[in-house]
Amino acid sequence: MIQFQIDPSELFGSEDFRQIIREEIKSAVAEVVRQNQLPPMLNRKQLMELFQIGQTKCSELLNRPDFPVFREAGVLIPTHLLFQWIEKNTQWVEENTSYFKAG
């Protein structure tokens, strides 16, 4: 068995150690962002996965007159407009129903 001792002040105080930690954190954050990043336009399948809904509910949403759909190149949903639509409709529910109020 090999044993060795490291003085924590030498390890944690060294610039090399700090640089390694910085690089690992940067890499981990970049990976999380990459995995969670949505494309600028969602297709029908991606919308269903994001909202965790089936075909019927997806069709209902896509046929709403206020739902953001770009139909010039198939059925595509602009991601930034989708999140604006969610905020707008969540606000409406908060202001016009007791759904989010504590019971």
PDB file of N, CA and C in Angstrom:
ATOM      1  N   MET A   1       0.837  -1.168   0.000  1.00  0.00           N
ATOM      2  CA  MET A   1       0.000   0.000   0.000  1.00  0.00           C
ATOM      3  C   MET A   1       0.891   1.244   0.000  1.00  0.00           C
ATOM      4  N   ILE A   2       0.549   2.157  -0.840  1.00  0.00           N
ATOM      5  CA  ILE A   2       1.313   3.403  -0.924  1.00  0.00           C
ATOM      6  C   ILE A   2       0.547   4.469  -0.155  1.00  0.00           C
ATOM      7  N   GLN A   3       1.243   5.156   0.690  1.00  0.00           N
ATOM      8  CA  GLN A   3       0.636   6.252   1.431  1.00  0.00           C
ATOM      9  C   GLN A   3       1.436   7.514   1.177  1.00  0.00           C
ATOM     10  N   PHE A   4       0.739   8.601   1.092  1.00  0.00           N
ATOM     11  CA  PHE A   4       1.425   9.866   0.977  1.00  0.00           C
ATOM     12  C   PHE A   4       0.554  10.924   1.628  1.00  0.00           C
ATOM     13  N   GLN A   5       1.156  11.971   2.015  1.00  0.00           N
ATOM     14  CA  GLN A   5       0.434  13.054   2.662  1.00  0.00           C
ATOM     15  C   GLN A   5       0.597  14.317   1.834  1.00  0.00           C
ATOM     16  N   ILE A   6      -0.503  15.016   1.744  1.00  0.00           N
ATOM     17  CA  ILE A   6      -0.478  16.292   1.030  1.00  0.00           C
ATOM     18  C   ILE A   6      -0.952  17.355   2.003  1.00  0.00           C
ATOM     19  N   ASP A   7      -0.210  18.399   2.059  1.00  0.00           N
ATOM     20  CA  ASP A   7      -0.615  19.529   2.884  1.00  0.00           C
ATOM     21  C   ASP A   7      -1.740  20.255   2.138  1.00  0.00           C
ATOM     22  N   PRO A   8      -2.965  20.298   2.737  1.00  0.00           N
ATOM     23  CA  PRO A   8      -4.097  20.933   2.042  1.00  0.00           C
ATOM     24  C   PRO A   8      -3.813  22.363   1.597  1.00  0.00           C
ATOM     25  N   SER A   9      -3.029  23.086   2.355  1.00  0.00           N
ATOM     26  CA  SER A   9      -2.745  24.470   1.958  1.00  0.00           C
ATOM     27  C   SER A   9      -1.925  24.521   0.672  1.00  0.00           C
ATOM     28  N   GLU A  10      -1.082  23.490   0.453  1.00  0.00           N
ATOM     29  CA  GLU A  10      -0.307  23.436  -0.784  1.00  0.00           C
ATOM     30  C   GLU A  10      -1.201  23.084  -1.966  1.00  0.00           C
ATOM     31  N   LEU A  11      -2.114  22.129  -1.749  1.00  0.00           N
ATOM     32  CA  LEU A  11      -2.978  21.689  -2.838  1.00  0.00           C
ATOM     33  C   LEU A  11      -4.003  22.751  -3.202  1.00  0.00           C
ATOM     34  N   PHE A  12      -4.771  23.199  -2.229  1.00  0.00           N
ATOM     35  CA  PHE A  12      -5.863  24.131  -2.503  1.00  0.00           C
ATOM     36  C   PHE A  12      -5.383  25.548  -2.774  1.00  0.00           C
ATOM     37  N   GLY A  13      -4.185  25.848  -2.360  1.00  0.00           N
ATOM     38  CA  GLY A  13      -3.652  27.182  -2.593  1.00  0.00           C
ATOM     39  C   GLY A  13      -2.918  27.315  -3.914  1.00  0.00           C
ATOM     40  N   SER A  14      -2.661  26.188  -4.581  1.00  0.00           N
ATOM     41  CA  SER A  14      -1.878  26.257  -5.808  1.00  0.00           C
ATOM     42  C   SER A  14      -2.723  26.757  -6.981  1.00  0.00           C
ATOM     43  N   GLU A  15      -2.087  27.506  -7.832  1.00  0.00           N
ATOM     44  CA  GLU A  15      -2.770  28.053  -9.012  1.00  0.00           C
ATOM     45  C   GLU A  15      -3.139  26.939  -9.987  1.00  0.00           C
ATOM     46  N   ASP A  16      -2.310  25.894 -10.092  1.00  0.00           N
ATOM     47  CA  ASP A  16      -2.618  24.761 -10.973  1.00  0.00           C
ATOM     48  C   ASP A  16      -3.929  24.094 -10.557  1.00  0.00           C
ATOM     49  N   PHE A  17      -4.096  23.888  -9.264  1.00  0.00           N
ATOM     50  CA  PHE A  17      -5.319  23.265  -8.753  1.00  0.00           C
ATOM     51  C   PHE A  17      -6.530  24.137  -9.075  1.00  0.00           C
ATOM     52  N   ARG A  18      -6.395  25.412  -8.850  1.00  0.00           N
ATOM     53  CA  ARG A  18      -7.498  26.348  -9.147  1.00  0.00           C
ATOM     54  C   ARG A  18      -7.849  26.334 -10.632  1.00  0.00           C
ATOM     55  N   GLN A  19      -6.844  26.276 -11.475  1.00  0.00           N
ATOM     56  CA  GLN A  19      -7.079  26.242 -12.918  1.00  0.00           C
ATOM     57  C   GLN A  19      -7.805  24.965 -13.320  1.00  0.00           C
ATOM     58  N   ILE A  20      -7.425  23.836 -12.744  1.00  0.00           N
ATOM     59  CA  ILE A  20      -8.106  22.567 -13.030  1.00  0.00           C
ATOM     60  C   ILE A  20      -9.570  22.655 -12.621  1.00  0.00           C
ATOM     61  N   ILE A  21      -9.836  23.191 -11.445  1.00  0.00           N
ATOM     62  CA  ILE A  21     -11.212  23.337 -10.966  1.00  0.00           C
ATOM     63  C   ILE A  21     -12.007  24.254 -11.899  1.00  0.00           C
ATOM     64  N   ARG A  22     -11.408  25.378 -12.300  1.00  0.00           N
ATOM     65  CA  ARG A  22     -12.088  26.306 -13.222  1.00  0.00           C
ATOM     66  C   ARG A  22     -12.480  25.599 -14.522  1.00  0.00           C
ATOM     67  N   GLU A  23     -11.540  24.846 -15.077  1.00  0.00           N
ATOM     68  CA  GLU A  23     -11.790  24.156 -16.342  1.00  0.00           C
ATOM     69  C   GLU A  23     -12.878  23.097 -16.198  1.00  0.00           C
ATOM     70  N   GLU A  24     -12.860  22.376 -15.084  1.00  0.00           N
ATOM     71  CA  GLU A  24     -13.879  21.340 -14.860  1.00  0.00           C
ATOM     72  C   GLU A  24     -15.264  21.959 -14.683  1.00  0.00           C
ATOM     73  N   ILE A  25     -15.345  23.048 -13.962  1.00  0.00           N
ATOM     74  CA  ILE A  25     -16.626  23.732 -13.778  1.00  0.00           C
ATOM     75  C   ILE A  25     -17.135  24.273 -15.113  1.00  0.00           C
ATOM     76  N   LYS A  26     -16.250  24.891 -15.871  1.00  0.00           N
ATOM     77  CA  LYS A  26     -16.628  25.432 -17.180  1.00  0.00           C
ATOM     78  C   LYS A  26     -17.139  24.324 -18.097  1.00  0.00           C
ATOM     79  N   SER A  27     -16.460  23.184 -18.083  1.00  0.00           N
ATOM     80  CA  SER A  27     -16.864  22.051 -18.903  1.00  0.00           C
ATOM     81  C   SER A  27     -18.221  21.504 -18.466  1.00  0.00           C
ATOM     82  N   ALA A  28     -18.428  21.385 -17.156  1.00  0.00           N
ATOM     83  CA  ALA A  28     -19.694  20.866 -16.637  1.00  0.00           C
ATOM     84  C   ALA A  28     -20.853  21.799 -16.973  1.00  0.00           C
ATOM     85  N   VAL A  29     -20.653  23.097 -16.830  1.00  0.00           N
ATOM     86  CA  VAL A  29     -21.704  24.064 -17.150  1.00  0.00           C
ATOM     87  C   VAL A  29     -22.027  24.031 -18.643  1.00  0.00           C
ATOM     88  N   ALA A  30     -21.015  23.961 -19.474  1.00  0.00           N
ATOM     89  CA  ALA A  30     -21.230  23.906 -20.923  1.00  0.00           C
ATOM     90  C   ALA A  30     -22.026  22.665 -21.310  1.00  0.00           C
ATOM     91  N   GLU A  31     -21.757  21.550 -20.665  1.00  0.00           N
ATOM     92  CA  GLU A  31     -22.485  20.307 -20.948  1.00  0.00           C
ATOM     93  C   GLU A  31     -23.951  20.419 -20.544  1.00  0.00           C
ATOM     94  N   VAL A  32     -24.214  21.009 -19.393  1.00  0.00           N
ATOM     95  CA  VAL A  32     -25.598  21.195 -18.945  1.00  0.00           C
ATOM     96  C   VAL A  32     -26.344  22.104 -19.916  1.00  0.00           C
ATOM     97  N   VAL A  33     -25.720  23.193 -20.325  1.00  0.00           N
ATOM     98  CA  VAL A  33     -26.347  24.117 -21.269  1.00  0.00           C
ATOM     99  C   VAL A  33     -26.620  23.408 -22.595  1.00  0.00           C
ATOM    100  N   ARG A  34     -25.652  22.642 -23.068  1.00  0.00           N
ATOM    101  CA  ARG A  34     -25.809  21.930 -24.341  1.00  0.00           C
ATOM    102  C   ARG A  34     -26.964  20.937 -24.280  1.00  0.00           C
ATOM    103  N   GLN A  35     -27.075  20.218 -23.192  1.00  0.00           N
ATOM    104  CA  GLN A  35     -28.125  19.211 -23.072  1.00  0.00           C
ATOM    105  C   GLN A  35     -29.510  19.828 -22.931  1.00  0.00           C
ATOM    106  N   ASN A  36     -29.597  20.988 -22.318  1.00  0.00           N
ATOM    107  CA  ASN A  36     -30.892  21.602 -22.050  1.00  0.00           C
ATOM    108  C   ASN A  36     -31.281  22.681 -23.054  1.00  0.00           C
ATOM    109  N   GLN A  37     -30.466  22.912 -24.034  1.00  0.00           N
ATOM    110  CA  GLN A  37     -30.734  23.975 -24.987  1.00  0.00           C
ATOM    111  C   GLN A  37     -31.769  23.517 -26.002  1.00  0.00           C
ATOM    112  N   LEU A  38     -32.713  24.382 -26.279  1.00  0.00           N
ATOM    113  CA  LEU A  38     -33.733  24.089 -27.276  1.00  0.00           C
ATOM    114  C   LEU A  38     -33.362  24.745 -28.594  1.00  0.00           C
ATOM    115  N   PRO A  39     -33.768  24.137 -29.705  1.00  0.00           N
ATOM    116  CA  PRO A  39     -33.501  24.754 -31.005  1.00  0.00           C
ATOM    117  C   PRO A  39     -34.390  25.989 -31.188  1.00  0.00           C
ATOM    118  N   PRO A  40     -34.051  26.850 -32.123  1.00  0.00           N
ATOM    119  CA  PRO A  40     -34.864  28.059 -32.356  1.00  0.00           C
ATOM    120  C   PRO A  40     -36.292  27.738 -32.795  1.00  0.00           C
ATOM    121  N   MET A  41     -36.471  26.618 -33.478  1.00  0.00           N
ATOM    122  CA  MET A  41     -37.803  26.196 -33.929  1.00  0.00           C
ATOM    123  C   MET A  41     -38.016  24.752 -33.488  1.00  0.00           C
ATOM    124  N   LEU A  42     -39.175  24.486 -32.893  1.00  0.00           N
ATOM    125  CA  LEU A  42     -39.521  23.127 -32.478  1.00  0.00           C
ATOM    126  C   LEU A  42     -40.449  22.500 -33.508  1.00  0.00           C
ATOM    127  N   ASN A  43     -40.294  21.209 -33.733  1.00  0.00           N
ATOM    128  CA  ASN A  43     -41.269  20.517 -34.561  1.00  0.00           C
ATOM    129  C   ASN A  43     -42.353  19.924 -33.646  1.00  0.00           C
ATOM    130  N   ARG A  44     -43.321  19.294 -34.235  1.00  0.00           N
ATOM    131  CA  ARG A  44     -44.447  18.741 -33.479  1.00  0.00           C
ATOM    132  C   ARG A  44     -43.982  17.749 -32.403  1.00  0.00           C
ATOM    133  N   LYS A  45     -43.077  16.855 -32.763  1.00  0.00           N
ATOM    134  CA  LYS A  45     -42.588  15.844 -31.830  1.00  0.00           C
ATOM    135  C   LYS A  45     -41.856  16.483 -30.648  1.00  0.00           C
ATOM    136  N   GLN A  46     -41.028  17.479 -30.923  1.00  0.00           N
ATOM    137  CA  GLN A  46     -40.294  18.162 -29.864  1.00  0.00           C
ATOM    138  C   GLN A  46     -41.244  18.888 -28.918  1.00  0.00           C
ATOM    139  N   LEU A  47     -42.302  19.499 -29.477  1.00  0.00           N
ATOM    140  CA  LEU A  47     -43.306  20.173 -28.653  1.00  0.00           C
ATOM    141  C   LEU A  47     -43.986  19.168 -27.727  1.00  0.00           C
ATOM    142  N   MET A  48     -44.347  18.004 -28.272  1.00  0.00           N
ATOM    143  CA  MET A  48     -44.996  16.967 -27.470  1.00  0.00           C
ATOM    144  C   MET A  48     -44.068  16.489 -26.355  1.00  0.00           C
ATOM    145  N   GLU A  49     -42.797  16.332 -26.646  1.00  0.00           N
ATOM    146  CA  GLU A  49     -41.835  15.903 -25.628  1.00  0.00           C
ATOM    147  C   GLU A  49     -41.636  16.981 -24.564  1.00  0.00           C
ATOM    148  N   LEU A  50     -41.520  18.236 -25.003  1.00  0.00           N
ATOM    149  CA  LEU A  50     -41.305  19.338 -24.076  1.00  0.00           C
ATOM    150  C   LEU A  50     -42.480  19.492 -23.119  1.00  0.00           C
ATOM    151  N   PHE A  51     -43.691  19.440 -23.645  1.00  0.00           N
ATOM    152  CA  PHE A  51     -44.895  19.626 -22.830  1.00  0.00           C
ATOM    153  C   PHE A  51     -45.385  18.318 -22.206  1.00  0.00           C
ATOM    154  N   GLN A  52     -44.813  17.213 -22.629  1.00  0.00           N
ATOM    155  CA  GLN A  52     -45.227  15.887 -22.171  1.00  0.00           C
ATOM    156  C   GLN A  52     -46.729  15.686 -22.423  1.00  0.00           C
ATOM    157  N   ILE A  53     -47.090  15.874 -23.693  1.00  0.00           N
ATOM    158  CA  ILE A  53     -48.485  15.723 -24.104  1.00  0.00           C
ATOM    159  C   ILE A  53     -48.563  14.755 -25.278  1.00  0.00           C
ATOM    160  N   GLY A  54     -49.762  14.303 -25.562  1.00  0.00           N
ATOM    161  CA  GLY A  54     -49.977  13.390 -26.673  1.00  0.00           C
ATOM    162  C   GLY A  54     -50.404  14.120 -27.936  1.00  0.00           C
ATOM    163  N   GLN A  55     -50.717  13.320 -28.970  1.00  0.00           N
ATOM    164  CA  GLN A  55     -51.095  13.853 -30.288  1.00  0.00           C
ATOM    165  C   GLN A  55     -52.331  14.756 -30.211  1.00  0.00           C
ATOM    166  N   THR A  56     -53.338  14.330 -29.466  1.00  0.00           N
ATOM    167  CA  THR A  56     -54.598  15.082 -29.418  1.00  0.00           C
ATOM    168  C   THR A  56     -54.393  16.468 -28.824  1.00  0.00           C
ATOM    169  N   LYS A  57     -53.749  16.539 -27.660  1.00  0.00           N
ATOM    170  CA  LYS A  57     -53.521  17.836 -27.014  1.00  0.00           C
ATOM    171  C   LYS A  57     -52.605  18.703 -27.873  1.00  0.00           C
ATOM    172  N   CYS A  58     -51.625  18.095 -28.528  1.00  0.00           N
ATOM    173  CA  CYS A  58     -50.728  18.841 -29.410  1.00  0.00           C
ATOM    174  C   CYS A  58     -51.528  19.465 -30.559  1.00  0.00           C
ATOM    175  N   SER A  59     -52.418  18.693 -31.160  1.00  0.00           N
ATOM    176  CA  SER A  59     -53.257  19.211 -32.248  1.00  0.00           C
ATOM    177  C   SER A  59     -54.129  20.355 -31.769  1.00  0.00           C
ATOM    178  N   GLU A  60     -54.684  20.214 -30.553  1.00  0.00           N
ATOM    179  CA  GLU A  60     -55.511  21.293 -29.995  1.00  0.00           C
ATOM    180  C   GLU A  60     -54.707  22.584 -29.862  1.00  0.00           C
ATOM    181  N   LEU A  61     -53.489  22.471 -29.328  1.00  0.00           N
ATOM    182  CA  LEU A  61     -52.644  23.659 -29.186  1.00  0.00           C
ATOM    183  C   LEU A  61     -52.298  24.269 -30.539  1.00  0.00           C
ATOM    184  N   LEU A  62     -51.889  23.431 -31.478  1.00  0.00           N
ATOM    185  CA  LEU A  62     -51.476  23.931 -32.793  1.00  0.00           C
ATOM    186  C   LEU A  62     -52.620  24.584 -33.560  1.00  0.00           C
ATOM    187  N   ASN A  63     -53.848  24.235 -33.227  1.00  0.00           N
ATOM    188  CA  ASN A  63     -55.003  24.823 -33.906  1.00  0.00           C
ATOM    189  C   ASN A  63     -55.581  26.039 -33.190  1.00  0.00           C
ATOM    190  N   ARG A  64     -55.025  26.380 -32.041  1.00  0.00           N
ATOM    191  CA  ARG A  64     -55.481  27.599 -31.351  1.00  0.00           C
ATOM    192  C   ARG A  64     -55.035  28.818 -32.161  1.00  0.00           C
ATOM    193  N   PRO A  65     -55.907  29.798 -32.311  1.00  0.00           N
ATOM    194  CA  PRO A  65     -55.519  30.983 -33.092  1.00  0.00           C
ATOM    195  C   PRO A  65     -54.406  31.808 -32.437  1.00  0.00           C
ATOM    196  N   ASP A  66     -54.265  31.709 -31.112  1.00  0.00           N
ATOM    197  CA  ASP A  66     -53.245  32.509 -30.422  1.00  0.00           C
ATOM    198  C   ASP A  66     -51.932  31.746 -30.223  1.00  0.00           C
ATOM    199  N   PHE A  67     -51.862  30.495 -30.632  1.00  0.00           N
ATOM    200  CA  PHE A  67     -50.649  29.695 -30.439  1.00  0.00           C
ATOM    201  C   PHE A  67     -49.659  29.994 -31.566  1.00  0.00           C
ATOM    202  N   PRO A  68     -48.380  30.246 -31.228  1.00  0.00           N
ATOM    203  CA  PRO A  68     -47.396  30.636 -32.250  1.00  0.00           C
ATOM    204  C   PRO A  68     -46.937  29.461 -33.120  1.00  0.00           C
ATOM    205  N   VAL A  69     -47.406  29.434 -34.337  1.00  0.00           N
ATOM    206  CA  VAL A  69     -47.028  28.365 -35.276  1.00  0.00           C
ATOM    207  C   VAL A  69     -46.576  28.998 -36.586  1.00  0.00           C
ATOM    208  N   PHE A  70     -45.458  28.515 -37.099  1.00  0.00           N
ATOM    209  CA  PHE A  70     -44.948  28.942 -38.400  1.00  0.00           C
ATOM    210  C   PHE A  70     -45.253  27.806 -39.375  1.00  0.00           C
ATOM    211  N   ARG A  71     -46.175  28.028 -40.297  1.00  0.00           N
ATOM    212  CA  ARG A  71     -46.639  26.962 -41.179  1.00  0.00           C
ATOM    213  C   ARG A  71     -46.058  27.039 -42.596  1.00  0.00           C
ATOM    214  N   GLU A  72     -45.166  27.967 -42.827  1.00  0.00           N
ATOM    215  CA  GLU A  72     -44.604  28.135 -44.164  1.00  0.00           C
ATOM    216  C   GLU A  72     -43.658  27.005 -44.547  1.00  0.00           C
ATOM    217  N   ALA A  73     -43.092  26.333 -43.553  1.00  0.00           N
ATOM    218  CA  ALA A  73     -42.138  25.246 -43.819  1.00  0.00           C
ATOM    219  C   ALA A  73     -42.564  24.005 -43.031  1.00  0.00           C
ATOM    220  N   GLY A  74     -43.830  23.683 -43.086  1.00  0.00           N
ATOM    221  CA  GLY A  74     -44.368  22.604 -42.259  1.00  0.00           C
ATOM    222  C   GLY A  74     -44.944  23.217 -40.998  1.00  0.00           C
ATOM    223  N   VAL A  75     -44.996  22.446 -39.951  1.00  0.00           N
ATOM    224  CA  VAL A  75     -45.494  22.953 -38.670  1.00  0.00           C
ATOM    225  C   VAL A  75     -44.298  23.126 -37.745  1.00  0.00           C
ATOM    226  N   LEU A  76     -43.903  24.373 -37.537  1.00  0.00           N
ATOM    227  CA  LEU A  76     -42.779  24.698 -36.669  1.00  0.00           C
ATOM    228  C   LEU A  76     -43.216  25.736 -35.646  1.00  0.00           C
ATOM    229  N   ILE A  77     -42.688  25.618 -34.450  1.00  0.00           N
ATOM    230  CA  ILE A  77     -43.044  26.531 -33.367  1.00  0.00           C
ATOM    231  C   ILE A  77     -41.803  27.315 -32.980  1.00  0.00           C
ATOM    232  N   PRO A  78     -41.796  28.646 -33.178  1.00  0.00           N
ATOM    233  CA  PRO A  78     -40.650  29.462 -32.761  1.00  0.00           C
ATOM    234  C   PRO A  78     -40.510  29.415 -31.233  1.00  0.00           C
ATOM    235  N   THR A  79     -39.380  28.942 -30.751  1.00  0.00           N
ATOM    236  CA  THR A  79     -39.185  28.714 -29.320  1.00  0.00           C
ATOM    237  C   THR A  79     -39.378  29.987 -28.508  1.00  0.00           C
ATOM    238  N   HIS A  80     -38.816  31.102 -28.963  1.00  0.00           N
ATOM    239  CA  HIS A  80     -38.939  32.334 -28.180  1.00  0.00           C
ATOM    240  C   HIS A  80     -40.395  32.790 -28.088  1.00  0.00           C
ATOM    241  N   LEU A  81     -41.168  32.609 -29.151  1.00  0.00           N
ATOM    242  CA  LEU A  81     -42.586  32.976 -29.112  1.00  0.00           C
ATOM    243  C   LEU A  81     -43.391  32.005 -28.255  1.00  0.00           C
ATOM    244  N   LEU A  82     -42.968  30.750 -28.237  1.00  0.00           N
ATOM    245  CA  LEU A  82     -43.636  29.758 -27.398  1.00  0.00           C
ATOM    246  C   LEU A  82     -43.538  30.157 -25.929  1.00  0.00           C
ATOM    247  N   PHE A  83     -42.344  30.561 -25.487  1.00  0.00           N
ATOM    248  CA  PHE A  83     -42.189  30.937 -24.094  1.00  0.00           C
ATOM    249  C   PHE A  83     -42.926  32.237 -23.771  1.00  0.00           C
ATOM    250  N   GLN A  84     -43.029  33.147 -24.730  1.00  0.00           N
ATOM    251  CA  GLN A  84     -43.855  34.347 -24.529  1.00  0.00           C
ATOM    252  C   GLN A  84     -45.321  33.946 -24.384  1.00  0.00           C
ATOM    253  N   TRP A  85     -45.776  33.004 -25.204  1.00  0.00           N
ATOM    254  CA  TRP A  85     -47.156  32.527 -25.146  1.00  0.00           C
ATOM    255  C   TRP A  85     -47.433  31.880 -23.793  1.00  0.00           C
ATOM    256  N   ILE A  86     -46.497  31.088 -23.298  1.00  0.00           N
ATOM    257  CA  ILE A  86     -46.661  30.439 -21.984  1.00  0.00           C
ATOM    258  C   ILE A  86     -46.802  31.497 -20.894  1.00  0.00           C
ATOM    259  N   GLU A  87     -45.921  32.500 -20.911  1.00  0.00           N
ATOM    260  CA  GLU A  87     -45.985  33.563 -19.901  1.00  0.00           C
ATOM    261  C   GLU A  87     -47.308  34.313 -19.974  1.00  0.00           C
ATOM    262  N   LYS A  88     -47.727  34.651 -21.176  1.00  0.00           N
ATOM    263  CA  LYS A  88     -48.982  35.394 -21.353  1.00  0.00           C
ATOM    264  C   LYS A  88     -50.162  34.581 -20.832  1.00  0.00           C
ATOM    265  N   ASN A  89     -50.218  33.318 -21.165  1.00  0.00           N
ATOM    266  CA  ASN A  89     -51.346  32.500 -20.762  1.00  0.00           C
ATOM    267  C   ASN A  89     -51.295  32.125 -19.292  1.00  0.00           C
ATOM    268  N   THR A  90     -50.130  32.000 -18.724  1.00  0.00           N
ATOM    269  CA  THR A  90     -50.023  31.757 -17.294  1.00  0.00           C
ATOM    270  C   THR A  90     -50.481  32.987 -16.539  1.00  0.00           C
ATOM    271  N   GLN A  91     -50.110  34.178 -17.026  1.00  0.00           N
ATOM    272  CA  GLN A  91     -50.563  35.425 -16.415  1.00  0.00           C
ATOM    273  C   GLN A  91     -52.086  35.505 -16.450  1.00  0.00           C
ATOM    274  N   TRP A  92     -52.685  35.165 -17.580  1.00  0.00           N
ATOM    275  CA  TRP A  92     -54.131  35.227 -17.703  1.00  0.00           C
ATOM    276  C   TRP A  92     -54.785  34.305 -16.681  1.00  0.00           C
ATOM    277  N   VAL A  93     -54.262  33.098 -16.528  1.00  0.00           N
ATOM    278  CA  VAL A  93     -54.825  32.149 -15.570  1.00  0.00           C
ATOM    279  C   VAL A  93     -54.684  32.695 -14.151  1.00  0.00           C
ATOM    280  N   GLU A  94     -53.518  33.268 -13.830  1.00  0.00           N
ATOM    281  CA  GLU A  94     -53.308  33.836 -12.493  1.00  0.00           C
ATOM    282  C   GLU A  94     -54.281  34.969 -12.206  1.00  0.00           C
ATOM    283  N   GLU A  95     -54.539  35.817 -13.203  1.00  0.00           N
ATOM    284  CA  GLU A  95     -55.391  36.987 -13.003  1.00  0.00           C
ATOM    285  C   GLU A  95     -56.880  36.665 -13.048  1.00  0.00           C
ATOM    286  N   ASN A  96     -57.263  35.610 -13.744  1.00  0.00           N
ATOM    287  CA  ASN A  96     -58.684  35.356 -13.977  1.00  0.00           C
ATOM    288  C   ASN A  96     -59.243  34.095 -13.319  1.00  0.00           C
ATOM    289  N   THR A  97     -58.417  33.354 -12.613  1.00  0.00           N
ATOM    290  CA  THR A  97     -58.905  32.165 -11.925  1.00  0.00           C
ATOM    291  C   THR A  97     -58.245  32.064 -10.558  1.00  0.00           C
ATOM    292  N   SER A  98     -58.673  31.131  -9.776  1.00  0.00           N
ATOM    293  CA  SER A  98     -58.048  30.903  -8.459  1.00  0.00           C
ATOM    294  C   SER A  98     -57.115  29.693  -8.512  1.00  0.00           C
ATOM    295  N   TYR A  99     -56.716  29.273  -9.707  1.00  0.00           N
ATOM    296  CA  TYR A  99     -55.916  28.064  -9.884  1.00  0.00           C
ATOM    297  C   TYR A  99     -54.611  28.104  -9.089  1.00  0.00           C
ATOM    298  N   PHE A 100     -53.902  29.253  -9.091  1.00  0.00           N
ATOM    299  CA  PHE A 100     -52.606  29.333  -8.431  1.00  0.00           C
ATOM    300  C   PHE A 100     -52.699  29.881  -7.001  1.00  0.00           C
ATOM    301  N   LYS A 101     -53.890  30.220  -6.554  1.00  0.00           N
ATOM    302  CA  LYS A 101     -54.046  30.771  -5.216  1.00  0.00           C
ATOM    303  C   LYS A 101     -54.093  29.651  -4.185  1.00  0.00           C
ATOM    304  N   ALA A 102     -53.472  29.912  -3.040  1.00  0.00           N
ATOM    305  CA  ALA A 102     -53.471  28.913  -1.955  1.00  0.00           C
ATOM    306  C   ALA A 102     -54.896  28.707  -1.459  1.00  0.00           C
ATOM    307  N   GLY A 103     -55.268  27.441  -1.287  1.00  0.00           N
ATOM    308  CA  GLY A 103     -56.640  27.119  -0.901  1.00  0.00           C
ATOM    309  C   GLY A 103     -56.839  27.108   0.503  1.00  0.00           C
TER     310      GLY A 103
END
